[in-house]
């Protein structure tokens, strides 16, 4: 019987032994069929044994019982341990190749890892803003000048909708539907999605459209929703700089970017009871596994400061 211990010293018995035997069989097959180098084999072995140890310590006795959430929980626990994104990406690659082999050998009913995105695409999740920090950021554009009114509307809409910066920059006037309270967005892969926005964003947008935008256009015209003082559409870089400026003005020490607001939007919704499927649809994620990274936010801390679902709805 093959036994082992977890990184915390917990003894592992027969379940780990069976998993370890399958890992060894997989590595032997891969070495013979693909001429796996000794270094690659050692790396795969380390990755898969760490995963098996993680599963067994949590009562999972077979790879066929593994869910996507378990894989994500494992990867996020490795991130919390301080592993680099490259190392976590390699761990997922090992799991994906291993699970594909298990399915080919008839030992896996369904390969749950097949469509999972590499953590390389996740990069490093931006820190979520607290409600107080969001309030300070959204209040940072002060005054009734055209630029301040426009910037407040843009910040409100970012937090109300969770749009990507490229999607915000591309918004046109006819994408807004005030009667129904939603906007139409062209996302990745030219996929159109419908995203609701709340009353606070609606008020800020109407003030911008009625007062600030005509002043910025100075008699000119543009189909683009947000424009600069030079009557040009906002660029992604321009939006990024705008948010950085107001974050500093609001006294927020975190590294704040457009994606920080998107991350805060999703995290706050999830912490207050919104389902992953709904958040997935609003964010435009093709794979719910991508959305599941938000389940690792400290929900208890967020829950104490947020109203039902979304504080500005």
C-alpha atoms as a PDB file:
ATOM      1  CA  UNK A   1       0.000   0.000   0.000  1.00  0.00           C
ATOM      2  CA  UNK A   2       1.302   3.441  -0.931  1.00  0.00           C
ATOM      3  CA  UNK A   3       0.833   6.035   1.767  1.00  0.00           C
ATOM      4  CA  UNK A   4       1.892   9.617   2.300  1.00  0.00           C
ATOM      5  CA  UNK A   5       1.412  12.816   4.198  1.00  0.00           C
ATOM      6  CA  UNK A   6      -0.034  16.193   3.238  1.00  0.00           C
ATOM      7  CA  UNK A   7       2.026  19.370   3.475  1.00  0.00           C
ATOM      8  CA  UNK A   8       0.509  19.905   6.931  1.00  0.00           C
ATOM      9  CA  UNK A   9       1.554  16.442   8.099  1.00  0.00           C
ATOM     10  CA  UNK A  10      -1.867  14.755   7.919  1.00  0.00           C
ATOM     11  CA  UNK A  11      -1.448  11.026   7.257  1.00  0.00           C
ATOM     12  CA  UNK A  12      -2.923   9.741   3.987  1.00  0.00           C
ATOM     13  CA  UNK A  13      -3.858   6.101   3.459  1.00  0.00           C
ATOM     14  CA  UNK A  14      -5.420   3.840   0.882  1.00  0.00           C
ATOM     15  CA  UNK A  15      -7.301   6.521  -1.068  1.00  0.00           C
ATOM     16  CA  UNK A  16      -4.108   8.459  -1.653  1.00  0.00           C
ATOM     17  CA  UNK A  17      -2.344   5.203  -2.534  1.00  0.00           C
ATOM     18  CA  UNK A  18      -4.894   4.407  -5.256  1.00  0.00           C
ATOM     19  CA  UNK A  19      -4.673   7.936  -6.665  1.00  0.00           C
ATOM     20  CA  UNK A  20      -0.887   7.830  -6.561  1.00  0.00           C
ATOM     21  CA  UNK A  21      -0.854   4.502  -8.412  1.00  0.00           C
ATOM     22  CA  UNK A  22      -2.949   6.013 -11.222  1.00  0.00           C
ATOM     23  CA  UNK A  23      -0.622   9.006 -11.399  1.00  0.00           C
ATOM     24  CA  UNK A  24       2.394   6.700 -11.732  1.00  0.00           C
ATOM     25  CA  UNK A  25       0.629   4.678 -14.442  1.00  0.00           C
ATOM     26  CA  UNK A  26      -0.182   7.897 -16.303  1.00  0.00           C
ATOM     27  CA  UNK A  27       3.406   9.164 -16.080  1.00  0.00           C
ATOM     28  CA  UNK A  28       4.801   5.818 -17.274  1.00  0.00           C
ATOM     29  CA  UNK A  29       2.453   5.886 -20.275  1.00  0.00           C
ATOM     30  CA  UNK A  30       3.323   9.490 -21.083  1.00  0.00           C
ATOM     31  CA  UNK A  31       7.048   8.773 -20.814  1.00  0.00           C
ATOM     32  CA  UNK A  32       6.793   5.848 -23.213  1.00  0.00           C
ATOM     33  CA  UNK A  33       4.455   7.447 -25.750  1.00  0.00           C
ATOM     34  CA  UNK A  34       5.781  11.018 -25.754  1.00  0.00           C
ATOM     35  CA  UNK A  35       9.330  10.626 -24.552  1.00  0.00           C
ATOM     36  CA  UNK A  36       8.673  12.812 -21.532  1.00  0.00           C
ATOM     37  CA  UNK A  37      11.865  14.357 -20.177  1.00  0.00           C
ATOM     38  CA  UNK A  38      12.860  13.533 -16.612  1.00  0.00           C
ATOM     39  CA  UNK A  39      12.371  17.161 -15.576  1.00  0.00           C
ATOM     40  CA  UNK A  40       8.859  17.350 -17.050  1.00  0.00           C
ATOM     41  CA  UNK A  41       7.937  14.022 -15.488  1.00  0.00           C
ATOM     42  CA  UNK A  42       9.154  15.189 -12.088  1.00  0.00           C
ATOM     43  CA  UNK A  43       7.179  18.426 -12.417  1.00  0.00           C
ATOM     44  CA  UNK A  44       3.985  16.601 -13.438  1.00  0.00           C
ATOM     45  CA  UNK A  45       4.455  14.121 -10.611  1.00  0.00           C
ATOM     46  CA  UNK A  46       4.864  16.895  -8.062  1.00  0.00           C
ATOM     47  CA  UNK A  47       1.807  18.738  -9.386  1.00  0.00           C
ATOM     48  CA  UNK A  48      -0.477  15.707  -9.456  1.00  0.00           C
ATOM     49  CA  UNK A  49       0.610  14.327  -6.098  1.00  0.00           C
ATOM     50  CA  UNK A  50      -0.028  17.733  -4.537  1.00  0.00           C
ATOM     51  CA  UNK A  51      -3.520  17.648  -6.067  1.00  0.00           C
ATOM     52  CA  UNK A  52      -4.151  14.085  -4.861  1.00  0.00           C
ATOM     53  CA  UNK A  53      -2.971  15.040  -1.382  1.00  0.00           C
ATOM     54  CA  UNK A  54      -5.315  18.050  -1.373  1.00  0.00           C
ATOM     55  CA  UNK A  55      -8.288  15.926  -2.472  1.00  0.00           C
ATOM     56  CA  UNK A  56      -7.682  13.084  -0.036  1.00  0.00           C
ATOM     57  CA  UNK A  57      -7.306  15.439   2.904  1.00  0.00           C
ATOM     58  CA  UNK A  58     -10.808  16.702   2.053  1.00  0.00           C
ATOM     59  CA  UNK A  59     -12.437  13.298   1.841  1.00  0.00           C
ATOM     60  CA  UNK A  60     -12.351  12.854  -1.947  1.00  0.00           C
ATOM     61  CA  UNK A  61     -11.447   9.229  -2.631  1.00  0.00           C
ATOM     62  CA  UNK A  62     -11.509   9.062  -6.439  1.00  0.00           C
ATOM     63  CA  UNK A  63     -10.708  11.315  -9.385  1.00  0.00           C
ATOM     64  CA  UNK A  64     -14.144  10.541 -10.821  1.00  0.00           C
ATOM     65  CA  UNK A  65     -15.675  12.490  -7.915  1.00  0.00           C
ATOM     66  CA  UNK A  66     -13.708  15.663  -8.627  1.00  0.00           C
ATOM     67  CA  UNK A  67     -15.652  18.791  -9.636  1.00  0.00           C
ATOM     68  CA  UNK A  68     -14.475  21.990 -11.307  1.00  0.00           C
ATOM     69  CA  UNK A  69     -14.878  23.821  -8.028  1.00  0.00           C
ATOM     70  CA  UNK A  70     -12.499  21.381  -6.342  1.00  0.00           C
ATOM     71  CA  UNK A  71      -9.884  22.056  -9.012  1.00  0.00           C
ATOM     72  CA  UNK A  72     -10.357  25.803  -8.617  1.00  0.00           C
ATOM     73  CA  UNK A  73     -10.214  25.551  -4.822  1.00  0.00           C
ATOM     74  CA  UNK A  74      -6.940  23.649  -5.132  1.00  0.00           C
ATOM     75  CA  UNK A  75      -5.429  26.215  -7.504  1.00  0.00           C
ATOM     76  CA  UNK A  76      -6.528  29.101  -5.313  1.00  0.00           C
ATOM     77  CA  UNK A  77      -5.108  27.390  -2.215  1.00  0.00           C
ATOM     78  CA  UNK A  78      -1.802  27.134  -4.067  1.00  0.00           C
ATOM     79  CA  UNK A  79      -2.033  30.842  -4.872  1.00  0.00           C
ATOM     80  CA  UNK A  80      -2.675  31.558  -1.190  1.00  0.00           C
ATOM     81  CA  UNK A  81       0.440  29.533  -0.364  1.00  0.00           C
ATOM     82  CA  UNK A  82       2.436  31.954  -2.492  1.00  0.00           C
ATOM     83  CA  UNK A  83       2.898  29.941  -5.687  1.00  0.00           C
ATOM     84  CA  UNK A  84       3.489  32.013  -8.797  1.00  0.00           C
ATOM     85  CA  UNK A  85       0.957  32.216 -11.617  1.00  0.00           C
ATOM     86  CA  UNK A  86       3.349  30.199 -13.824  1.00  0.00           C
ATOM     87  CA  UNK A  87       3.550  27.394 -11.245  1.00  0.00           C
ATOM     88  CA  UNK A  88      -0.238  27.347 -10.801  1.00  0.00           C
ATOM     89  CA  UNK A  89      -0.676  27.277 -14.588  1.00  0.00           C
ATOM     90  CA  UNK A  90       1.626  24.256 -14.776  1.00  0.00           C
ATOM     91  CA  UNK A  91      -0.429  22.524 -12.086  1.00  0.00           C
ATOM     92  CA  UNK A  92      -3.605  22.999 -14.138  1.00  0.00           C
ATOM     93  CA  UNK A  93      -1.886  21.777 -17.317  1.00  0.00           C
ATOM     94  CA  UNK A  94      -0.846  18.607 -15.478  1.00  0.00           C
ATOM     95  CA  UNK A  95      -4.403  18.076 -14.219  1.00  0.00           C
ATOM     96  CA  UNK A  96      -5.900  18.677 -17.678  1.00  0.00           C
ATOM     97  CA  UNK A  97      -3.516  16.218 -19.391  1.00  0.00           C
ATOM     98  CA  UNK A  98      -4.036  13.649 -16.635  1.00  0.00           C
ATOM     99  CA  UNK A  99      -7.823  13.919 -16.742  1.00  0.00           C
ATOM    100  CA  UNK A 100      -7.806  13.595 -20.532  1.00  0.00           C
ATOM    101  CA  UNK A 101      -5.819  10.370 -20.161  1.00  0.00           C
ATOM    102  CA  UNK A 102      -8.200   9.073 -17.480  1.00  0.00           C
ATOM    103  CA  UNK A 103     -11.150   9.709 -19.795  1.00  0.00           C
ATOM    104  CA  UNK A 104      -9.404   8.025 -22.731  1.00  0.00           C
ATOM    105  CA  UNK A 105      -8.735   4.996 -20.534  1.00  0.00           C
ATOM    106  CA  UNK A 106     -12.404   4.802 -19.531  1.00  0.00           C
ATOM    107  CA  UNK A 107     -11.710   5.731 -15.911  1.00  0.00           C
ATOM    108  CA  UNK A 108     -13.475   9.093 -16.006  1.00  0.00           C
ATOM    109  CA  UNK A 109     -17.138   9.621 -16.850  1.00  0.00           C
ATOM    110  CA  UNK A 110     -16.691  13.293 -17.727  1.00  0.00           C
ATOM    111  CA  UNK A 111     -13.586  15.435 -18.069  1.00  0.00           C
ATOM    112  CA  UNK A 112     -14.489  18.489 -15.980  1.00  0.00           C
ATOM    113  CA  UNK A 113     -11.060  20.064 -16.560  1.00  0.00           C
ATOM    114  CA  UNK A 114     -11.259  20.101 -20.371  1.00  0.00           C
ATOM    115  CA  UNK A 115     -12.649  23.628 -20.777  1.00  0.00           C
ATOM    116  CA  UNK A 116     -10.948  25.256 -17.806  1.00  0.00           C
ATOM    117  CA  UNK A 117      -8.890  28.340 -18.572  1.00  0.00           C
ATOM    118  CA  UNK A 118      -5.264  28.626 -17.604  1.00  0.00           C
ATOM    119  CA  UNK A 119      -4.506  30.789 -14.560  1.00  0.00           C
ATOM    120  CA  UNK A 120      -2.139  32.654 -16.889  1.00  0.00           C
ATOM    121  CA  UNK A 121      -5.314  34.288 -18.189  1.00  0.00           C
ATOM    122  CA  UNK A 122      -6.397  35.144 -14.669  1.00  0.00           C
ATOM    123  CA  UNK A 123      -3.118  36.949 -13.989  1.00  0.00           C
ATOM    124  CA  UNK A 124      -3.449  38.321 -10.464  1.00  0.00           C
ATOM    125  CA  UNK A 125      -6.946  39.117  -9.316  1.00  0.00           C
ATOM    126  CA  UNK A 126      -7.201  42.794  -8.401  1.00  0.00           C
ATOM    127  CA  UNK A 127      -8.069  43.566  -4.816  1.00  0.00           C
ATOM    128  CA  UNK A 128     -11.773  44.039  -4.272  1.00  0.00           C
ATOM    129  CA  UNK A 129     -12.813  47.474  -3.062  1.00  0.00           C
ATOM    130  CA  UNK A 130     -14.846  47.792   0.110  1.00  0.00           C
ATOM    131  CA  UNK A 131     -18.169  49.621  -0.043  1.00  0.00           C
ATOM    132  CA  UNK A 132     -16.611  52.672   1.629  1.00  0.00           C
ATOM    133  CA  UNK A 133     -13.814  52.701  -0.928  1.00  0.00           C
ATOM    134  CA  UNK A 134     -16.325  52.426  -3.767  1.00  0.00           C
ATOM    135  CA  UNK A 135     -18.317  55.319  -2.320  1.00  0.00           C
ATOM    136  CA  UNK A 136     -15.181  57.463  -2.042  1.00  0.00           C
ATOM    137  CA  UNK A 137     -14.122  56.618  -5.591  1.00  0.00           C
ATOM    138  CA  UNK A 138     -17.531  57.379  -7.095  1.00  0.00           C
ATOM    139  CA  UNK A 139     -17.665  60.678  -5.210  1.00  0.00           C
ATOM    140  CA  UNK A 140     -14.143  61.722  -6.236  1.00  0.00           C
ATOM    141  CA  UNK A 141     -15.190  63.659  -9.393  1.00  0.00           C
ATOM    142  CA  UNK A 142     -16.451  66.742  -7.575  1.00  0.00           C
ATOM    143  CA  UNK A 143     -18.326  69.729  -8.920  1.00  0.00           C
ATOM    144  CA  UNK A 144     -20.762  70.289 -11.772  1.00  0.00           C
ATOM    145  CA  UNK A 145     -18.245  70.786 -14.554  1.00  0.00           C
ATOM    146  CA  UNK A 146     -18.857  68.783 -17.726  1.00  0.00           C
ATOM    147  CA  UNK A 147     -15.782  66.627 -17.162  1.00  0.00           C
ATOM    148  CA  UNK A 148     -16.683  65.791 -13.560  1.00  0.00           C
ATOM    149  CA  UNK A 149     -20.288  64.934 -14.474  1.00  0.00           C
ATOM    150  CA  UNK A 150     -19.079  62.690 -17.285  1.00  0.00           C
ATOM    151  CA  UNK A 151     -16.531  60.948 -15.056  1.00  0.00           C
ATOM    152  CA  UNK A 152     -19.086  60.323 -12.303  1.00  0.00           C
ATOM    153  CA  UNK A 153     -21.411  58.758 -14.868  1.00  0.00           C
ATOM    154  CA  UNK A 154     -18.638  56.554 -16.195  1.00  0.00           C
ATOM    155  CA  UNK A 155     -17.551  55.387 -12.728  1.00  0.00           C
ATOM    156  CA  UNK A 156     -21.148  54.715 -11.688  1.00  0.00           C
ATOM    157  CA  UNK A 157     -21.718  52.686 -14.832  1.00  0.00           C
ATOM    158  CA  UNK A 158     -18.508  50.695 -14.360  1.00  0.00           C
ATOM    159  CA  UNK A 159     -19.553  49.633 -10.884  1.00  0.00           C
ATOM    160  CA  UNK A 160     -23.204  49.105 -11.828  1.00  0.00           C
ATOM    161  CA  UNK A 161     -22.518  46.898 -14.853  1.00  0.00           C
ATOM    162  CA  UNK A 162     -19.130  45.191 -14.478  1.00  0.00           C
ATOM    163  CA  UNK A 163     -18.143  46.096 -18.038  1.00  0.00           C
ATOM    164  CA  UNK A 164     -14.638  45.564 -19.361  1.00  0.00           C
ATOM    165  CA  UNK A 165     -12.748  48.765 -20.162  1.00  0.00           C
ATOM    166  CA  UNK A 166     -12.849  47.963 -23.891  1.00  0.00           C
ATOM    167  CA  UNK A 167     -16.623  47.509 -23.678  1.00  0.00           C
ATOM    168  CA  UNK A 168     -17.054  50.811 -21.860  1.00  0.00           C
ATOM    169  CA  UNK A 169     -14.964  52.656 -24.436  1.00  0.00           C
ATOM    170  CA  UNK A 170     -17.014  51.153 -27.281  1.00  0.00           C
ATOM    171  CA  UNK A 171     -20.479  52.007 -25.879  1.00  0.00           C
ATOM    172  CA  UNK A 172     -22.694  54.007 -28.207  1.00  0.00           C
ATOM    173  CA  UNK A 173     -25.736  56.129 -27.439  1.00  0.00           C
ATOM    174  CA  UNK A 174     -28.172  53.584 -28.814  1.00  0.00           C
ATOM    175  CA  UNK A 175     -26.733  50.890 -26.522  1.00  0.00           C
ATOM    176  CA  UNK A 176     -28.528  52.457 -23.555  1.00  0.00           C
ATOM    177  CA  UNK A 177     -32.165  51.551 -22.886  1.00  0.00           C
ATOM    178  CA  UNK A 178     -33.375  53.680 -19.997  1.00  0.00           C
ATOM    179  CA  UNK A 179     -36.999  52.527 -20.088  1.00  0.00           C
ATOM    180  CA  UNK A 180     -35.957  48.938 -19.451  1.00  0.00           C
ATOM    181  CA  UNK A 181     -32.911  49.770 -17.349  1.00  0.00           C
ATOM    182  CA  UNK A 182     -30.318  47.846 -19.323  1.00  0.00           C
ATOM    183  CA  UNK A 183     -27.530  48.373 -21.814  1.00  0.00           C
ATOM    184  CA  UNK A 184     -26.447  46.331 -24.798  1.00  0.00           C
ATOM    185  CA  UNK A 185     -22.788  45.426 -24.864  1.00  0.00           C
ATOM    186  CA  UNK A 186     -20.545  43.948 -27.537  1.00  0.00           C
ATOM    187  CA  UNK A 187     -18.104  41.727 -25.676  1.00  0.00           C
ATOM    188  CA  UNK A 188     -15.339  39.264 -26.462  1.00  0.00           C
ATOM    189  CA  UNK A 189     -15.809  37.235 -29.619  1.00  0.00           C
ATOM    190  CA  UNK A 190     -18.283  39.863 -30.882  1.00  0.00           C
ATOM    191  CA  UNK A 191     -20.930  38.397 -28.573  1.00  0.00           C
ATOM    192  CA  UNK A 192     -23.751  40.751 -27.650  1.00  0.00           C
ATOM    193  CA  UNK A 193     -25.036  40.598 -24.088  1.00  0.00           C
ATOM    194  CA  UNK A 194     -27.618  42.513 -22.076  1.00  0.00           C
ATOM    195  CA  UNK A 195     -26.517  44.024 -18.754  1.00  0.00           C
ATOM    196  CA  UNK A 196     -28.841  45.820 -16.294  1.00  0.00           C
ATOM    197  CA  UNK A 197     -27.784  48.949 -14.440  1.00  0.00           C
ATOM    198  CA  UNK A 198     -29.293  50.472 -11.320  1.00  0.00           C
ATOM    199  CA  UNK A 199     -30.961  53.768 -10.482  1.00  0.00           C
ATOM    200  CA  UNK A 200     -27.816  55.543  -9.308  1.00  0.00           C
ATOM    201  CA  UNK A 201     -26.086  54.859 -12.623  1.00  0.00           C
ATOM    202  CA  UNK A 202     -29.249  55.845 -14.481  1.00  0.00           C
ATOM    203  CA  UNK A 203     -29.398  59.215 -12.707  1.00  0.00           C
ATOM    204  CA  UNK A 204     -25.729  59.898 -13.351  1.00  0.00           C
ATOM    205  CA  UNK A 205     -26.051  58.966 -17.023  1.00  0.00           C
ATOM    206  CA  UNK A 206     -29.101  61.158 -17.585  1.00  0.00           C
ATOM    207  CA  UNK A 207     -27.340  64.134 -15.998  1.00  0.00           C
ATOM    208  CA  UNK A 208     -24.345  63.507 -18.245  1.00  0.00           C
ATOM    209  CA  UNK A 209     -26.464  63.169 -21.400  1.00  0.00           C
ATOM    210  CA  UNK A 210     -28.647  66.178 -20.668  1.00  0.00           C
ATOM    211  CA  UNK A 211     -26.024  68.579 -19.352  1.00  0.00           C
ATOM    212  CA  UNK A 212     -22.387  67.537 -19.745  1.00  0.00           C
ATOM    213  CA  UNK A 213     -22.288  65.776 -23.095  1.00  0.00           C
ATOM    214  CA  UNK A 214     -23.754  68.685 -25.106  1.00  0.00           C
ATOM    215  CA  UNK A 215     -21.229  71.007 -23.461  1.00  0.00           C
ATOM    216  CA  UNK A 216     -18.367  68.661 -24.379  1.00  0.00           C
ATOM    217  CA  UNK A 217     -19.574  68.280 -27.978  1.00  0.00           C
ATOM    218  CA  UNK A 218     -19.788  72.065 -28.469  1.00  0.00           C
ATOM    219  CA  UNK A 219     -22.233  71.672 -31.322  1.00  0.00           C
ATOM    220  CA  UNK A 220     -20.536  68.596 -32.768  1.00  0.00           C
ATOM    221  CA  UNK A 221     -21.920  65.073 -33.008  1.00  0.00           C
ATOM    222  CA  UNK A 222     -20.738  61.613 -32.032  1.00  0.00           C
ATOM    223  CA  UNK A 223     -22.345  58.185 -31.778  1.00  0.00           C
ATOM    224  CA  UNK A 224     -19.988  57.197 -28.963  1.00  0.00           C
ATOM    225  CA  UNK A 225     -21.411  57.529 -25.451  1.00  0.00           C
ATOM    226  CA  UNK A 226     -18.387  58.892 -23.612  1.00  0.00           C
ATOM    227  CA  UNK A 227     -16.267  61.579 -25.255  1.00  0.00           C
ATOM    228  CA  UNK A 228     -13.284  63.689 -24.245  1.00  0.00           C
ATOM    229  CA  UNK A 229     -12.986  67.476 -24.092  1.00  0.00           C
ATOM    230  CA  UNK A 230     -11.551  67.224 -27.620  1.00  0.00           C
ATOM    231  CA  UNK A 231     -14.843  65.640 -28.777  1.00  0.00           C
ATOM    232  CA  UNK A 232     -13.143  62.319 -29.402  1.00  0.00           C
ATOM    233  CA  UNK A 233     -14.172  58.877 -28.094  1.00  0.00           C
ATOM    234  CA  UNK A 234     -12.463  57.837 -24.886  1.00  0.00           C
ATOM    235  CA  UNK A 235      -9.617  55.368 -25.355  1.00  0.00           C
ATOM    236  CA  UNK A 236      -9.005  52.465 -22.995  1.00  0.00           C
ATOM    237  CA  UNK A 237      -5.797  54.136 -21.871  1.00  0.00           C
ATOM    238  CA  UNK A 238      -7.656  57.380 -21.190  1.00  0.00           C
ATOM    239  CA  UNK A 239     -10.246  55.581 -19.062  1.00  0.00           C
ATOM    240  CA  UNK A 240      -7.499  53.760 -17.170  1.00  0.00           C
ATOM    241  CA  UNK A 241      -5.740  57.053 -16.390  1.00  0.00           C
ATOM    242  CA  UNK A 242      -9.014  58.656 -15.297  1.00  0.00           C
ATOM    243  CA  UNK A 243      -9.718  55.888 -12.783  1.00  0.00           C
ATOM    244  CA  UNK A 244      -6.144  56.009 -11.447  1.00  0.00           C
ATOM    245  CA  UNK A 245      -6.453  59.757 -10.921  1.00  0.00           C
ATOM    246  CA  UNK A 246      -9.700  59.520  -8.961  1.00  0.00           C
ATOM    247  CA  UNK A 247      -8.452  56.565  -6.888  1.00  0.00           C
ATOM    248  CA  UNK A 248      -5.512  58.695  -5.730  1.00  0.00           C
ATOM    249  CA  UNK A 249      -7.836  61.625  -5.077  1.00  0.00           C
ATOM    250  CA  UNK A 250     -10.099  59.358  -3.006  1.00  0.00           C
ATOM    251  CA  UNK A 251      -7.154  58.256  -0.902  1.00  0.00           C
ATOM    252  CA  UNK A 252      -7.398  54.604  -1.934  1.00  0.00           C
ATOM    253  CA  UNK A 253      -4.024  52.932  -1.479  1.00  0.00           C
ATOM    254  CA  UNK A 254      -4.889  49.817  -3.490  1.00  0.00           C
ATOM    255  CA  UNK A 255      -3.859  49.519  -7.127  1.00  0.00           C
ATOM    256  CA  UNK A 256      -7.180  50.471  -8.747  1.00  0.00           C
ATOM    257  CA  UNK A 257      -7.882  49.812 -12.424  1.00  0.00           C
ATOM    258  CA  UNK A 258     -11.024  49.403 -14.553  1.00  0.00           C
ATOM    259  CA  UNK A 259     -10.868  45.681 -13.818  1.00  0.00           C
ATOM    260  CA  UNK A 260     -10.897  46.414 -10.079  1.00  0.00           C
ATOM    261  CA  UNK A 261     -14.393  47.852 -10.510  1.00  0.00           C
ATOM    262  CA  UNK A 262     -15.443  44.833 -12.598  1.00  0.00           C
ATOM    263  CA  UNK A 263     -14.065  42.532  -9.914  1.00  0.00           C
ATOM    264  CA  UNK A 264     -15.794  44.510  -7.155  1.00  0.00           C
ATOM    265  CA  UNK A 265     -19.090  44.409  -9.074  1.00  0.00           C
ATOM    266  CA  UNK A 266     -18.982  40.607  -9.308  1.00  0.00           C
ATOM    267  CA  UNK A 267     -17.662  40.022  -5.798  1.00  0.00           C
ATOM    268  CA  UNK A 268     -20.251  42.255  -4.159  1.00  0.00           C
ATOM    269  CA  UNK A 269     -23.094  40.622  -6.066  1.00  0.00           C
ATOM    270  CA  UNK A 270     -21.921  37.135  -5.131  1.00  0.00           C
ATOM    271  CA  UNK A 271     -21.400  38.051  -1.493  1.00  0.00           C
ATOM    272  CA  UNK A 272     -25.006  39.161  -1.264  1.00  0.00           C
ATOM    273  CA  UNK A 273     -26.600  36.094  -2.791  1.00  0.00           C
ATOM    274  CA  UNK A 274     -26.569  36.464  -6.571  1.00  0.00           C
ATOM    275  CA  UNK A 275     -26.038  33.155  -8.371  1.00  0.00           C
ATOM    276  CA  UNK A 276     -22.862  32.375 -10.287  1.00  0.00           C
ATOM    277  CA  UNK A 277     -24.893  31.747 -13.451  1.00  0.00           C
ATOM    278  CA  UNK A 278     -26.386  35.247 -13.357  1.00  0.00           C
ATOM    279  CA  UNK A 279     -22.989  36.823 -12.685  1.00  0.00           C
ATOM    280  CA  UNK A 280     -21.472  34.740 -15.490  1.00  0.00           C
ATOM    281  CA  UNK A 281     -24.070  36.085 -17.899  1.00  0.00           C
ATOM    282  CA  UNK A 282     -23.563  39.694 -16.847  1.00  0.00           C
ATOM    283  CA  UNK A 283     -19.769  39.455 -17.037  1.00  0.00           C
ATOM    284  CA  UNK A 284     -19.855  37.696 -20.400  1.00  0.00           C
ATOM    285  CA  UNK A 285     -17.795  34.690 -19.312  1.00  0.00           C
ATOM    286  CA  UNK A 286     -18.069  31.793 -21.746  1.00  0.00           C
ATOM    287  CA  UNK A 287     -17.076  29.299 -19.035  1.00  0.00           C
ATOM    288  CA  UNK A 288     -18.523  29.381 -15.528  1.00  0.00           C
ATOM    289  CA  UNK A 289     -15.178  28.105 -14.241  1.00  0.00           C
ATOM    290  CA  UNK A 290     -13.843  31.593 -14.913  1.00  0.00           C
ATOM    291  CA  UNK A 291     -16.640  33.114 -12.845  1.00  0.00           C
ATOM    292  CA  UNK A 292     -15.975  30.699  -9.985  1.00  0.00           C
ATOM    293  CA  UNK A 293     -12.767  32.503  -9.073  1.00  0.00           C
ATOM    294  CA  UNK A 294     -15.036  35.028  -7.344  1.00  0.00           C
ATOM    295  CA  UNK A 295     -16.161  32.383  -4.843  1.00  0.00           C
ATOM    296  CA  UNK A 296     -12.794  32.826  -3.129  1.00  0.00           C
ATOM    297  CA  UNK A 297     -13.544  36.364  -2.005  1.00  0.00           C
ATOM    298  CA  UNK A 298     -14.060  36.776   1.741  1.00  0.00           C
ATOM    299  CA  UNK A 299     -17.835  36.657   1.592  1.00  0.00           C
ATOM    300  CA  UNK A 300     -18.347  37.183   5.314  1.00  0.00           C
ATOM    301  CA  UNK A 301     -16.510  40.508   5.304  1.00  0.00           C
ATOM    302  CA  UNK A 302     -18.374  41.747   2.234  1.00  0.00           C
ATOM    303  CA  UNK A 303     -21.737  40.539   3.470  1.00  0.00           C
ATOM    304  CA  UNK A 304     -21.532  42.800   6.497  1.00  0.00           C
ATOM    305  CA  UNK A 305     -21.311  45.978   4.428  1.00  0.00           C
ATOM    306  CA  UNK A 306     -23.590  45.377   1.482  1.00  0.00           C
ATOM    307  CA  UNK A 307     -27.292  45.663   0.934  1.00  0.00           C
ATOM    308  CA  UNK A 308     -29.305  43.099  -0.965  1.00  0.00           C
ATOM    309  CA  UNK A 309     -27.463  42.041  -4.139  1.00  0.00           C
ATOM    310  CA  UNK A 310     -26.105  45.422  -5.118  1.00  0.00           C
ATOM    311  CA  UNK A 311     -25.873  48.495  -2.941  1.00  0.00           C
ATOM    312  CA  UNK A 312     -26.533  51.060  -5.693  1.00  0.00           C
ATOM    313  CA  UNK A 313     -29.328  49.267  -7.547  1.00  0.00           C
END
